[in-house]
Amino acid sequence: MGVFKKFSCAAALTLGLSMLGAVEANAAPNPNFHIYIAYGQSNMAGNGEIVPAVDQATNPKNFLMLASHTANASSRKGSTTQSIKMGEWYPAIPPMFHAFEQLSPADYFGRAMVDSLPGVTVGIIPVAIGAVSIRAFDKDQYQKYFQTDGKDIMSWGWPKDYDNNPPGRIVELAKKAQQVGVIKGFIFHQGESDGVDDNWRRTVYKTYKDVIDALGLNENDVPFVAGEMLQEAGACCSSKNPGIAMLKNNFKKFGLASSKGLKGNGKDPYHFGREGVIELGKRYASEMLKLIDKTIDPNAPPVDLVNPENSVVPDEPPEEYGPYVDVIEIPGKVQAENYNKGGAEVAYHDNNKGNEGGILRKDDVDIYQPNMGMVVGYCEKGDWMKYSVKVETDGEYEISALVAGDNGTGSFVLYVDDQQVGDTIVNEGKGFTSFTTVSGGKATLKSGEHELKLEITNSWIDIDYVEFKKVAEQSDVDPDDPAAIRIGVMNGDKVDMSKAQYFDVNGNRIGWSAAKMQGVYLVRIPGVKTFIVRNEK
């Protein structure tokens, strides 16, 4: 357990909540603690004037920050008496990004989110540096950048607040935040120091994706909202706004906070003034609210603003392994999305985190709905799913599958009780919107309950279902033979002879032509009756 300072409003807002210890075992993050990563350059870091009586006098309701640096109260802008230590939670009192900064859009973004979502506590992870290129946030470029084009910024000392590693600080804090809450999204403002071309947009996306991957998150669950540059007359960078808007082509969930009508600080052509900063923060919130899942968990405890660690939710017991709904009957269809319950590495394995399609189930298996029913897609080599099945009768079964793909190579194989059955099933390469039925050969199955495993052997095949059909047993009778018809009514019994089998007196299987030459022979109709026939001369 971490060590936590007690909080007293009268004690000069000295809330310090250590995130250095481990969260209590068998506990899950509080789903009502929504945490956002705020990064960029000076407009995100904060250039709006702080009004202490408004911004610093009281703790904002249900709004915290995870300190990204350490600073004494006396060094922080304004008149706050709150000292902060890196890696601890505090009331989100500005300045959040550096001691010398001022009001940020993140300040009023968080307040607006809290006002819009009763029952939710909002946290901010603040990492921004004035004047930097986007390269300062790229884990593969930041070191070279600070040694070359950004060396002047290094000499100013600003990156030292983040140990000269801004992307590393974001990941470090976000992992700590995940112990107690949920990373819900990113807010971003940057571009004044860069050309907002395709390369810039790719790098912006990379800075986001690197964090997403490090945290094991799914892009479909974590929106990205960027802000426009100042637009008023004389502003430096409004021509870059169309390029910023084009970021929508890089992200799965993207929002754009407009700067239209917002005022600058009256001192330079780069920065928003106090009113503009506050309104821009609210516009970030408006965009984010369109993109996030706003569901509130009524069973989660309120977030403890003094000690968020006390707000975690006890883990539910692991899901018991077994059928998703019912045991699947064979002959019949095995719907791909109805793989067993039990979780990752028990009921399934998926190479990527999260359900890319975002429907039906919350596991990592990717389920989506094209122009038909639900299917499992985004399948990569090595993925697998298991199903509980029940075979009705012993016998031979034809296997087929309804699948799609665009390369004609995506494939999978089937196992019953760890023994491969049938042939490799390969898509026909007609596109992911053209599902076709392909053969999987035949398999001999035993009656009873079994475990069916579907394993992807070559990437990129979408699967609707696999079907097993019983192969009709071969009859030894020619149904058109008059003798067969007479036998069918022997002793007054009406018997379906279509599946009749014939044996001589020594038990050897023979055909009808041989049987009718015998003096005595045995007739067996599987599952119906067995009787002896005597030919009279």
Protein backbone atom coordinates (compact mmCIF):
# COMPACT_ATOMS: atom_id res chain seq x y z
CA MET A 1 0.00 0.00 0.00
CA GLY A 2 1.23 3.51 -0.74
CA VAL A 3 1.65 6.26 1.85
CA PHE A 4 -0.97 9.00 1.57
CA LYS A 5 -1.07 12.46 3.10
CA LYS A 6 -4.26 13.53 4.81
CA PHE A 7 -6.12 16.45 3.35
CA SER A 8 -7.55 19.45 5.14
CA CYS A 9 -9.06 22.44 3.36
CA ALA A 10 -7.82 24.61 6.21
CA ALA A 11 -4.35 23.18 5.86
CA ALA A 12 -3.67 25.03 2.65
CA LEU A 13 -4.93 22.39 0.25
CA THR A 14 -2.09 19.96 0.94
CA LEU A 15 -3.71 16.92 -0.61
CA GLY A 16 -0.93 14.56 -1.72
CA LEU A 17 -1.96 11.11 -2.81
CA SER A 18 0.86 8.69 -3.43
CA MET A 19 0.58 6.58 -6.52
CA LEU A 20 3.88 4.82 -5.89
CA GLY A 21 2.45 1.82 -4.02
CA ALA A 22 0.56 -1.09 -5.45
CA VAL A 23 -3.20 -1.09 -5.53
CA GLU A 24 -4.88 -3.53 -3.20
CA ALA A 25 -4.93 -7.06 -4.59
CA ASN A 26 -8.06 -8.40 -6.25
CA ALA A 27 -9.34 -4.94 -7.10
CA ALA A 28 -10.26 -3.23 -10.35
CA PRO A 29 -10.07 0.44 -11.37
CA ASN A 30 -13.11 2.53 -10.55
CA PRO A 31 -15.11 2.87 -13.81
CA ASN A 32 -16.46 6.24 -12.66
CA PHE A 33 -12.99 7.77 -12.36
CA HIS A 34 -12.38 9.14 -15.86
CA ILE A 35 -8.78 10.08 -16.61
CA TYR A 36 -7.57 12.15 -19.59
CA ILE A 37 -4.09 12.72 -20.98
CA ALA A 38 -3.48 16.37 -21.90
CA TYR A 39 -0.39 17.16 -23.97
CA GLY A 40 1.04 19.58 -26.52
CA GLN A 41 2.87 22.88 -26.39
CA SER A 42 2.30 26.28 -24.80
CA ASN A 43 -1.43 26.77 -25.40
CA MET A 44 -2.07 23.43 -23.68
CA ALA A 45 0.52 24.13 -20.99
CA GLY A 46 -1.40 27.27 -20.05
CA ASN A 47 -1.28 30.91 -21.07
CA GLY A 48 -4.58 32.19 -19.75
CA GLU A 49 -4.42 34.56 -16.81
CA ILE A 50 -5.09 32.88 -13.46
CA VAL A 51 -7.58 34.68 -11.23
CA PRO A 52 -6.74 33.27 -7.78
CA ALA A 53 -10.12 34.08 -6.24
CA VAL A 54 -11.82 32.08 -9.00
CA ASP A 55 -9.32 29.43 -10.02
CA GLN A 56 -7.35 28.67 -6.85
CA ALA A 57 -9.43 29.55 -3.81
CA THR A 58 -11.36 26.29 -3.55
CA ASN A 59 -10.92 22.76 -4.77
CA PRO A 60 -12.79 22.14 -8.01
CA LYS A 61 -15.55 19.60 -7.50
CA ASN A 62 -14.60 15.98 -8.33
CA PHE A 63 -11.60 17.11 -10.37
CA LEU A 64 -8.05 15.87 -9.73
CA MET A 65 -4.65 16.02 -11.40
CA LEU A 66 -1.83 13.50 -11.29
CA ALA A 67 1.22 15.72 -10.76
CA SER A 68 3.68 15.40 -13.62
CA HIS A 69 6.44 17.28 -11.78
CA THR A 70 7.42 18.46 -8.29
CA ALA A 71 7.01 22.10 -7.22
CA ASN A 72 6.80 24.09 -4.02
CA ALA A 73 3.71 26.23 -3.47
CA SER A 74 5.84 29.37 -3.42
CA SER A 75 7.09 28.68 -6.94
CA ARG A 76 3.70 28.06 -8.48
CA LYS A 77 1.94 30.84 -10.36
CA GLY A 78 -0.85 32.69 -8.62
CA SER A 79 -1.43 32.48 -4.89
CA THR A 80 -1.94 28.77 -4.29
CA THR A 81 -0.43 27.29 -1.14
CA GLN A 82 -0.49 23.78 -2.59
CA SER A 83 2.88 22.15 -3.08
CA ILE A 84 2.91 19.15 -5.40
CA LYS A 85 5.05 16.04 -5.83
CA MET A 86 5.40 14.07 -9.04
CA GLY A 87 3.26 10.94 -9.15
CA GLU A 88 0.70 12.01 -6.54
CA TRP A 89 -2.94 13.04 -6.93
CA TYR A 90 -4.05 16.57 -6.00
CA PRO A 91 -7.07 18.80 -6.53
CA ALA A 92 -6.75 20.18 -10.05
CA ILE A 93 -5.72 23.70 -9.09
CA PRO A 94 -3.79 25.58 -11.80
CA PRO A 95 -1.08 25.69 -12.92
CA MET A 96 -1.00 21.96 -13.69
CA PHE A 97 1.78 21.62 -16.30
CA HIS A 98 4.68 23.68 -14.90
CA ALA A 99 5.00 25.92 -11.85
CA PHE A 100 5.46 29.02 -14.02
CA GLU A 101 2.53 28.35 -16.39
CA GLN A 102 -0.97 29.73 -16.08
CA LEU A 103 -4.52 28.64 -16.93
CA SER A 104 -4.84 25.78 -19.43
CA PRO A 105 -7.78 24.57 -21.53
CA ALA A 106 -7.40 21.35 -19.52
CA ASP A 107 -8.53 23.21 -16.38
CA TYR A 108 -11.97 24.05 -17.72
CA PHE A 109 -12.19 20.91 -19.83
CA GLY A 110 -12.14 18.91 -16.60
CA ARG A 111 -14.65 21.16 -14.84
CA ALA A 112 -17.01 20.98 -17.81
CA MET A 113 -16.75 17.18 -17.94
CA VAL A 114 -17.59 16.92 -14.23
CA ASP A 115 -20.59 19.22 -14.67
CA SER A 116 -21.83 17.11 -17.59
CA LEU A 117 -21.42 13.73 -15.92
CA PRO A 118 -22.87 13.61 -12.40
CA GLY A 119 -21.34 10.74 -10.49
CA VAL A 120 -18.03 10.93 -12.37
CA THR A 121 -14.69 12.16 -11.05
CA VAL A 122 -12.25 13.49 -13.67
CA GLY A 123 -8.47 13.27 -13.53
CA ILE A 124 -5.88 14.97 -15.76
CA ILE A 125 -2.38 13.78 -16.64
CA PRO A 126 -0.70 17.08 -17.70
CA VAL A 127 2.43 16.94 -19.88
CA ALA A 128 3.08 19.91 -22.19
CA ILE A 129 6.09 22.08 -23.09
CA GLY A 130 5.98 25.46 -24.78
CA ALA A 131 7.54 25.95 -28.23
CA VAL A 132 8.29 22.28 -28.87
CA SER A 133 7.83 20.25 -32.04
CA ILE A 134 5.63 17.17 -32.04
CA ARG A 135 8.91 15.25 -32.09
CA ALA A 136 9.31 16.04 -28.39
CA PHE A 137 6.46 13.56 -27.72
CA ASP A 138 7.64 10.80 -30.06
CA LYS A 139 9.47 8.10 -28.10
CA ASP A 140 11.71 7.44 -31.10
CA GLN A 141 12.60 11.09 -31.81
CA TYR A 142 12.57 13.10 -28.57
CA GLN A 143 16.22 12.50 -27.64
CA LYS A 144 17.62 13.56 -31.00
CA TYR A 145 15.20 16.50 -31.12
CA PHE A 146 16.39 17.90 -27.78
CA GLN A 147 19.99 17.51 -28.94
CA THR A 148 19.40 19.39 -32.20
CA ASP A 149 16.42 21.58 -33.08
CA GLY A 150 15.14 21.62 -29.50
CA LYS A 151 18.43 22.24 -27.74
CA ASP A 152 17.45 25.82 -26.87
CA ILE A 153 14.34 24.54 -25.14
CA MET A 154 16.52 22.12 -23.20
CA SER A 155 18.68 25.02 -22.09
CA TRP A 156 15.59 26.77 -20.73
CA GLY A 157 15.08 23.80 -18.45
CA TRP A 158 11.41 23.13 -19.16
CA PRO A 159 11.79 19.45 -20.20
CA LYS A 160 13.58 18.74 -16.88
CA ASP A 161 10.20 18.71 -15.16
CA TYR A 162 9.60 15.47 -17.10
CA ASP A 163 13.15 14.07 -16.69
CA ASN A 164 13.79 15.25 -20.27
CA ASN A 165 11.51 12.45 -21.51
CA PRO A 166 7.95 13.75 -22.16
CA PRO A 167 6.60 10.55 -23.79
CA GLY A 168 8.08 8.44 -21.02
CA ARG A 169 6.48 10.64 -18.35
CA ILE A 170 3.06 10.29 -20.00
CA VAL A 171 3.28 6.48 -20.01
CA GLU A 172 4.68 6.36 -16.47
CA LEU A 173 1.82 8.43 -15.05
CA ALA A 174 -0.84 6.77 -17.17
CA LYS A 175 0.13 3.33 -15.89
CA LYS A 176 -0.20 4.59 -12.32
CA ALA A 177 -3.54 6.17 -13.14
CA GLN A 178 -4.82 2.89 -14.57
CA GLN A 179 -4.53 1.33 -11.13
CA VAL A 180 -7.39 3.46 -9.83
CA GLY A 181 -9.31 4.75 -12.84
CA VAL A 182 -9.94 4.44 -16.58
CA ILE A 183 -8.02 6.26 -19.32
CA LYS A 184 -10.93 7.75 -21.28
CA GLY A 185 -9.27 10.00 -23.86
CA PHE A 186 -6.61 12.48 -24.99
CA ILE A 187 -6.82 16.25 -25.45
CA PHE A 188 -4.11 17.80 -27.59
CA HIS A 189 -2.99 21.26 -28.72
CA GLN A 190 0.17 21.57 -30.77
CA GLY A 191 1.34 22.62 -34.21
CA GLU A 192 2.52 26.20 -33.93
CA SER A 193 6.13 24.94 -34.16
CA ASP A 194 5.51 22.51 -37.00
CA GLY A 195 4.13 22.32 -40.50
CA VAL A 196 0.83 20.46 -40.20
CA ASP A 197 1.42 18.19 -43.18
CA ASP A 198 0.99 14.45 -43.63
CA ASN A 199 4.22 13.74 -41.79
CA TRP A 200 3.11 15.84 -38.82
CA ARG A 201 -0.26 14.07 -38.76
CA ARG A 202 1.39 10.65 -38.86
CA THR A 203 3.66 11.66 -35.99
CA VAL A 204 0.76 13.00 -33.93
CA TYR A 205 -1.03 9.70 -34.40
CA LYS A 206 2.13 7.78 -33.50
CA THR A 207 2.52 9.68 -30.21
CA TYR A 208 -1.03 8.62 -29.34
CA LYS A 209 -0.71 5.02 -30.58
CA ASP A 210 2.55 4.46 -28.73
CA VAL A 211 0.80 5.33 -25.46
CA ILE A 212 -2.28 3.29 -26.32
CA ASP A 213 -0.14 0.24 -27.01
CA ALA A 214 1.96 0.71 -23.87
CA LEU A 215 -1.22 0.81 -21.78
CA GLY A 216 -2.88 -2.15 -23.51
CA LEU A 217 -5.85 -0.03 -24.64
CA ASN A 218 -8.12 -0.20 -27.67
CA GLU A 219 -8.31 2.81 -29.99
CA ASN A 220 -12.08 2.36 -30.27
CA ASP A 221 -12.36 3.09 -26.54
CA VAL A 222 -10.02 6.10 -26.27
CA PRO A 223 -10.93 9.18 -28.36
CA PHE A 224 -8.49 11.89 -29.39
CA VAL A 225 -9.60 15.55 -29.46
CA ALA A 226 -7.34 18.20 -31.02
CA GLY A 227 -7.74 21.95 -30.76
CA GLU A 228 -7.53 24.59 -33.47
CA MET A 229 -5.04 27.48 -33.50
CA LEU A 230 -6.02 31.03 -32.61
CA GLN A 231 -8.02 32.56 -35.47
CA GLU A 232 -8.42 36.25 -34.63
CA ALA A 233 -6.94 38.95 -36.88
CA GLY A 234 -3.17 38.99 -36.69
CA ALA A 235 -2.95 35.45 -35.31
CA CYS A 236 0.07 33.53 -36.50
CA CYS A 237 -1.18 30.11 -37.30
CA SER A 238 -4.84 29.99 -38.30
CA SER A 239 -3.83 28.76 -41.76
CA LYS A 240 -2.82 25.48 -40.10
CA ASN A 241 -6.34 24.68 -38.93
CA PRO A 242 -7.40 22.79 -42.09
CA GLY A 243 -4.36 20.55 -41.65
CA ILE A 244 -5.28 19.93 -38.03
CA ALA A 245 -8.83 19.02 -39.05
CA MET A 246 -7.40 16.38 -41.38
CA LEU A 247 -6.24 14.42 -38.33
CA LYS A 248 -9.70 12.84 -38.46
CA ASN A 249 -8.32 10.57 -41.19
CA ASN A 250 -5.69 9.17 -38.82
CA PHE A 251 -7.84 8.34 -35.79
CA LYS A 252 -10.69 5.94 -35.19
CA LYS A 253 -12.41 8.35 -32.79
CA PHE A 254 -11.55 12.00 -33.37
CA GLY A 255 -12.96 15.34 -32.33
CA LEU A 256 -11.95 18.91 -33.17
CA ALA A 257 -12.31 21.77 -30.67
CA SER A 258 -13.00 24.89 -32.73
CA SER A 259 -11.27 28.17 -31.93
CA LYS A 260 -13.74 30.26 -33.91
CA GLY A 261 -14.51 33.57 -32.19
CA LEU A 262 -12.03 33.05 -29.34
CA LYS A 263 -9.82 35.95 -28.25
CA GLY A 264 -6.07 36.02 -27.86
CA ASN A 265 -4.12 37.38 -24.92
CA GLY A 266 -3.48 40.74 -26.60
CA LYS A 267 0.27 40.30 -26.17
CA ASP A 268 1.36 37.94 -28.96
CA PRO A 269 -0.13 36.26 -32.06
CA TYR A 270 0.12 32.72 -30.64
CA HIS A 271 -1.79 32.43 -27.40
CA PHE A 272 -5.39 32.51 -26.24
CA GLY A 273 -6.37 34.90 -23.46
CA ARG A 274 -8.18 33.86 -20.30
CA GLU A 275 -11.67 33.92 -21.84
CA GLY A 276 -10.47 32.02 -24.90
CA VAL A 277 -8.71 29.40 -22.79
CA ILE A 278 -11.83 28.77 -20.70
CA GLU A 279 -14.11 28.52 -23.72
CA LEU A 280 -11.66 26.30 -25.61
CA GLY A 281 -11.58 23.94 -22.62
CA LYS A 282 -15.37 23.73 -22.69
CA ARG A 283 -15.28 23.00 -26.43
CA TYR A 284 -12.81 20.17 -25.84
CA ALA A 285 -15.35 18.78 -23.35
CA SER A 286 -18.22 19.14 -25.80
CA GLU A 287 -16.32 17.13 -28.42
CA MET A 288 -15.18 14.49 -25.95
CA LEU A 289 -18.74 13.95 -24.69
CA LYS A 290 -19.77 12.99 -28.24
CA LEU A 291 -17.15 10.25 -28.35
CA ILE A 292 -16.89 8.53 -24.97
CA ASP A 293 -19.05 5.90 -23.35
CA LYS A 294 -20.89 7.96 -20.72
CA THR A 295 -22.30 4.97 -18.84
CA ILE A 296 -22.12 5.41 -15.06
CA ASP A 297 -21.69 2.30 -12.94
CA PRO A 298 -24.22 2.65 -10.10
CA ASN A 299 -22.51 -0.10 -8.13
CA ALA A 300 -19.05 1.50 -8.06
CA PRO A 301 -18.13 3.40 -4.89
CA PRO A 302 -17.73 7.18 -5.07
CA VAL A 303 -14.17 8.19 -5.87
CA ASP A 304 -12.33 9.07 -2.67
CA LEU A 305 -10.83 12.48 -3.45
CA VAL A 306 -8.33 12.13 -0.61
CA ASN A 307 -7.30 8.59 -1.42
CA PRO A 308 -8.38 7.29 -4.85
CA GLU A 309 -6.87 3.94 -3.91
CA ASN A 310 -9.86 3.39 -1.64
CA SER A 311 -12.18 3.76 -4.63
CA VAL A 312 -11.17 0.65 -6.54
CA VAL A 313 -13.82 -1.98 -7.22
CA PRO A 314 -13.36 -5.57 -6.00
CA ASP A 315 -12.72 -7.89 -8.91
CA GLU A 316 -15.47 -10.28 -9.92
CA PRO A 317 -14.54 -13.96 -9.70
CA PRO A 318 -13.00 -15.30 -12.91
CA GLU A 319 -15.63 -16.33 -15.45
CA GLU A 320 -16.21 -20.06 -15.34
CA TYR A 321 -15.21 -21.91 -18.50
CA GLY A 322 -18.15 -23.24 -20.49
CA PRO A 323 -20.67 -22.58 -23.29
CA TYR A 324 -21.49 -18.97 -24.11
CA VAL A 325 -25.20 -19.81 -24.10
CA ASP A 326 -25.86 -23.53 -24.60
CA VAL A 327 -23.83 -26.49 -25.79
CA ILE A 328 -23.87 -26.35 -29.60
CA GLU A 329 -25.60 -29.28 -31.31
CA ILE A 330 -23.95 -31.17 -34.17
CA PRO A 331 -25.25 -31.57 -36.84
CA GLY A 332 -25.80 -27.82 -37.00
CA LYS A 333 -24.07 -24.46 -37.24
CA VAL A 334 -21.37 -23.21 -34.91
CA GLN A 335 -21.71 -19.41 -34.92
CA ALA A 336 -18.18 -17.99 -34.67
CA GLU A 337 -19.08 -15.31 -32.09
CA ASN A 338 -20.50 -17.90 -29.66
CA TYR A 339 -17.12 -19.11 -28.44
CA ASN A 340 -16.99 -20.31 -24.85
CA LYS A 341 -16.88 -18.17 -21.74
CA GLY A 342 -13.75 -18.25 -19.64
CA GLY A 343 -11.60 -15.39 -20.92
CA ALA A 344 -8.29 -15.01 -22.68
CA GLU A 345 -5.96 -17.99 -22.96
CA VAL A 346 -8.73 -20.25 -21.66
CA ALA A 347 -11.61 -19.82 -24.11
CA TYR A 348 -9.75 -17.83 -26.76
CA HIS A 349 -6.47 -16.24 -27.77
CA ASP A 350 -6.39 -12.97 -29.71
CA ASN A 351 -3.20 -11.23 -30.78
CA ASN A 352 -4.68 -7.75 -30.29
CA LYS A 353 -6.29 -6.17 -27.26
CA GLY A 354 -9.93 -5.15 -27.44
CA ASN A 355 -12.92 -6.02 -29.60
CA GLU A 356 -12.28 -4.07 -32.82
CA GLY A 357 -15.89 -4.40 -33.90
CA GLY A 358 -17.13 -3.29 -30.51
CA ILE A 359 -20.33 -5.37 -30.37
CA LEU A 360 -21.83 -8.30 -28.42
CA ARG A 361 -18.92 -9.18 -26.10
CA LYS A 362 -16.25 -7.29 -24.15
CA ASP A 363 -13.47 -9.79 -24.77
CA ASP A 364 -10.58 -9.28 -27.20
CA VAL A 365 -12.17 -11.35 -30.00
CA ASP A 366 -13.13 -8.94 -32.79
CA ILE A 367 -16.85 -9.15 -33.55
CA TYR A 368 -18.57 -6.89 -36.05
CA GLN A 369 -21.74 -6.79 -38.12
CA PRO A 370 -21.40 -6.39 -41.90
CA ASN A 371 -24.45 -6.50 -44.18
CA MET A 372 -25.64 -9.66 -42.43
CA GLY A 373 -25.39 -11.26 -38.98
CA MET A 374 -22.48 -10.97 -36.59
CA VAL A 375 -19.10 -12.33 -37.65
CA VAL A 376 -15.63 -12.72 -36.16
CA GLY A 377 -13.11 -10.66 -38.11
CA TYR A 378 -9.64 -9.09 -37.98
CA CYS A 379 -8.40 -12.67 -37.57
CA GLU A 380 -4.64 -13.09 -37.40
CA LYS A 381 -2.47 -16.18 -37.51
CA GLY A 382 -2.37 -17.79 -34.08
CA ASP A 383 -5.78 -16.56 -32.91
CA TRP A 384 -8.08 -19.34 -31.65
CA MET A 385 -11.49 -19.90 -30.07
CA LYS A 386 -13.05 -22.89 -28.33
CA TYR A 387 -16.65 -24.14 -28.38
CA SER A 388 -18.53 -26.76 -26.37
CA VAL A 389 -20.37 -29.04 -28.79
CA LYS A 390 -22.51 -32.18 -28.62
CA VAL A 391 -22.48 -34.68 -31.49
CA GLU A 392 -25.83 -36.39 -31.87
CA THR A 393 -24.70 -39.71 -33.38
CA ASP A 394 -21.54 -41.44 -34.48
CA GLY A 395 -20.78 -41.02 -38.13
CA GLU A 396 -19.22 -39.05 -40.91
CA TYR A 397 -19.93 -35.33 -41.20
CA GLU A 398 -19.42 -32.84 -44.01
CA ILE A 399 -17.81 -29.56 -42.87
CA SER A 400 -18.35 -26.17 -44.49
CA ALA A 401 -17.99 -22.54 -43.45
CA LEU A 402 -19.37 -19.16 -44.48
CA VAL A 403 -16.31 -16.91 -44.74
CA ALA A 404 -14.91 -13.82 -46.46
CA GLY A 405 -11.51 -12.32 -47.28
CA ASP A 406 -9.72 -10.36 -49.95
CA ASN A 407 -6.56 -12.37 -50.54
CA GLY A 408 -7.69 -15.96 -50.97
CA THR A 409 -5.18 -17.13 -48.36
CA GLY A 410 -6.78 -16.40 -44.97
CA SER A 411 -7.49 -19.77 -43.42
CA PHE A 412 -8.27 -21.84 -40.32
CA VAL A 413 -8.36 -25.43 -39.15
CA LEU A 414 -10.60 -27.29 -36.70
CA TYR A 415 -9.76 -29.58 -33.81
CA VAL A 416 -12.08 -31.88 -31.86
CA ASP A 417 -10.60 -32.79 -28.50
CA ASP A 418 -7.20 -31.60 -29.76
CA GLN A 419 -7.29 -33.82 -32.86
CA GLN A 420 -7.44 -32.00 -36.18
CA VAL A 421 -10.53 -32.82 -38.24
CA GLY A 422 -11.39 -32.05 -41.85
CA ASP A 423 -9.36 -29.94 -44.24
CA THR A 424 -7.94 -26.42 -43.97
CA ILE A 425 -10.70 -23.88 -44.72
CA VAL A 426 -9.55 -21.03 -46.98
CA ASN A 427 -11.46 -17.92 -48.06
CA GLU A 428 -12.09 -17.44 -51.77
CA GLY A 429 -10.65 -13.92 -51.89
CA LYS A 430 -13.80 -12.15 -53.12
CA GLY A 431 -13.56 -9.33 -50.55
CA PHE A 432 -14.59 -8.86 -46.95
CA THR A 433 -18.15 -8.00 -47.96
CA SER A 434 -18.63 -11.13 -50.08
CA PHE A 435 -19.22 -14.14 -47.86
CA THR A 436 -19.12 -17.52 -49.60
CA THR A 437 -19.55 -21.10 -48.43
CA VAL A 438 -16.34 -23.13 -48.68
CA SER A 439 -15.73 -26.79 -47.95
CA GLY A 440 -13.80 -28.10 -45.00
CA GLY A 441 -13.83 -31.73 -46.07
CA LYS A 442 -15.25 -34.54 -43.95
CA ALA A 443 -14.68 -35.81 -40.42
CA THR A 444 -15.70 -38.92 -38.52
CA LEU A 445 -17.11 -37.91 -35.13
CA LYS A 446 -18.17 -39.82 -32.05
CA SER A 447 -21.44 -39.04 -30.32
CA GLY A 448 -21.33 -37.09 -27.07
CA GLU A 449 -19.92 -33.80 -25.77
CA HIS A 450 -16.62 -32.53 -27.14
CA GLU A 451 -14.46 -29.40 -27.28
CA LEU A 452 -14.17 -27.84 -30.74
CA LYS A 453 -11.26 -25.50 -31.39
CA LEU A 454 -11.02 -23.11 -34.36
CA GLU A 455 -7.46 -21.89 -35.00
CA ILE A 456 -6.39 -19.28 -37.56
CA THR A 457 -3.52 -20.60 -39.68
CA ASN A 458 -3.18 -17.63 -42.04
CA SER A 459 -4.21 -14.04 -41.35
CA TRP A 460 -7.25 -12.20 -42.67
CA ILE A 461 -10.31 -14.36 -42.86
CA ASP A 462 -13.71 -13.29 -41.50
CA ILE A 463 -15.93 -16.09 -40.20
CA ASP A 464 -19.70 -16.19 -39.90
CA TYR A 465 -20.19 -19.85 -38.99
CA VAL A 466 -18.95 -23.40 -39.41
CA GLU A 467 -21.55 -26.07 -40.30
CA PHE A 468 -21.50 -29.83 -39.77
CA LYS A 469 -23.90 -31.99 -41.83
CA LYS A 470 -24.34 -35.73 -41.30
CA VAL A 471 -23.35 -37.78 -44.32
CA ALA A 472 -26.16 -40.21 -45.23
CA GLU A 473 -25.18 -43.86 -44.62
CA GLN A 474 -24.81 -45.93 -47.77
CA SER A 475 -27.51 -48.58 -48.33
CA ASP A 476 -26.78 -52.01 -49.73
CA VAL A 477 -30.24 -52.03 -51.31
CA ASP A 478 -31.18 -50.89 -54.75
CA PRO A 479 -34.54 -49.28 -53.87
CA ASP A 480 -35.80 -50.02 -57.35
CA ASP A 481 -35.11 -53.75 -57.04
CA PRO A 482 -38.46 -55.66 -56.79
CA ALA A 483 -36.93 -58.07 -54.28
CA ALA A 484 -36.12 -55.19 -51.96
CA ILE A 485 -39.68 -54.01 -52.12
CA ARG A 486 -40.98 -57.49 -51.21
CA ILE A 487 -38.60 -57.74 -48.28
CA GLY A 488 -39.84 -54.37 -47.07
CA VAL A 489 -43.27 -55.81 -46.29
CA MET A 490 -42.19 -59.23 -45.04
CA ASN A 491 -44.30 -60.59 -42.19
CA GLY A 492 -46.68 -57.68 -42.65
CA ASP A 493 -44.21 -55.12 -41.28
CA LYS A 494 -43.53 -51.99 -43.29
CA VAL A 495 -39.79 -51.36 -43.15
CA ASP A 496 -37.74 -48.47 -44.67
CA MET A 497 -35.07 -50.38 -46.57
CA SER A 498 -33.09 -47.34 -47.76
CA LYS A 499 -30.40 -47.94 -45.14
CA ALA A 500 -30.49 -51.78 -45.09
CA GLN A 501 -27.24 -53.69 -44.69
CA TYR A 502 -26.75 -57.40 -45.60
CA PHE A 503 -24.60 -60.14 -44.05
CA ASP A 504 -24.04 -63.82 -44.84
CA VAL A 505 -24.33 -66.60 -42.21
CA ASN A 506 -20.66 -66.11 -41.29
CA GLY A 507 -21.20 -62.41 -40.50
CA ASN A 508 -19.51 -61.06 -43.60
CA ARG A 509 -20.94 -57.87 -45.09
CA ILE A 510 -22.31 -58.52 -48.57
CA GLY A 511 -24.30 -56.57 -51.11
CA TRP A 512 -27.87 -57.14 -52.17
CA SER A 513 -26.87 -58.94 -55.34
CA ALA A 514 -24.90 -61.49 -53.30
CA ALA A 515 -27.55 -61.71 -50.58
CA LYS A 516 -30.32 -62.76 -52.91
CA MET A 517 -28.17 -65.70 -54.02
CA GLN A 518 -27.87 -66.94 -50.44
CA GLY A 519 -30.18 -69.49 -48.89
CA VAL A 520 -30.20 -67.53 -45.62
CA TYR A 521 -28.90 -64.05 -44.89
CA LEU A 522 -29.23 -61.38 -42.25
CA VAL A 523 -30.68 -57.91 -42.81
CA ARG A 524 -29.75 -55.04 -40.46
CA ILE A 525 -31.41 -51.61 -40.58
CA PRO A 526 -29.33 -49.42 -38.19
CA GLY A 527 -31.35 -48.11 -35.32
CA VAL A 528 -34.53 -49.89 -36.47
CA LYS A 529 -34.36 -53.69 -36.54
CA THR A 530 -32.37 -56.77 -37.54
CA PHE A 531 -33.96 -59.89 -39.05
CA ILE A 532 -33.12 -63.09 -40.97
CA VAL A 533 -34.32 -63.80 -44.49
CA ARG A 534 -34.60 -67.34 -45.87
CA ASN A 535 -34.84 -67.75 -49.62
CA GLU A 536 -37.22 -70.58 -50.57
CA LYS A 537 -36.57 -72.42 -53.79
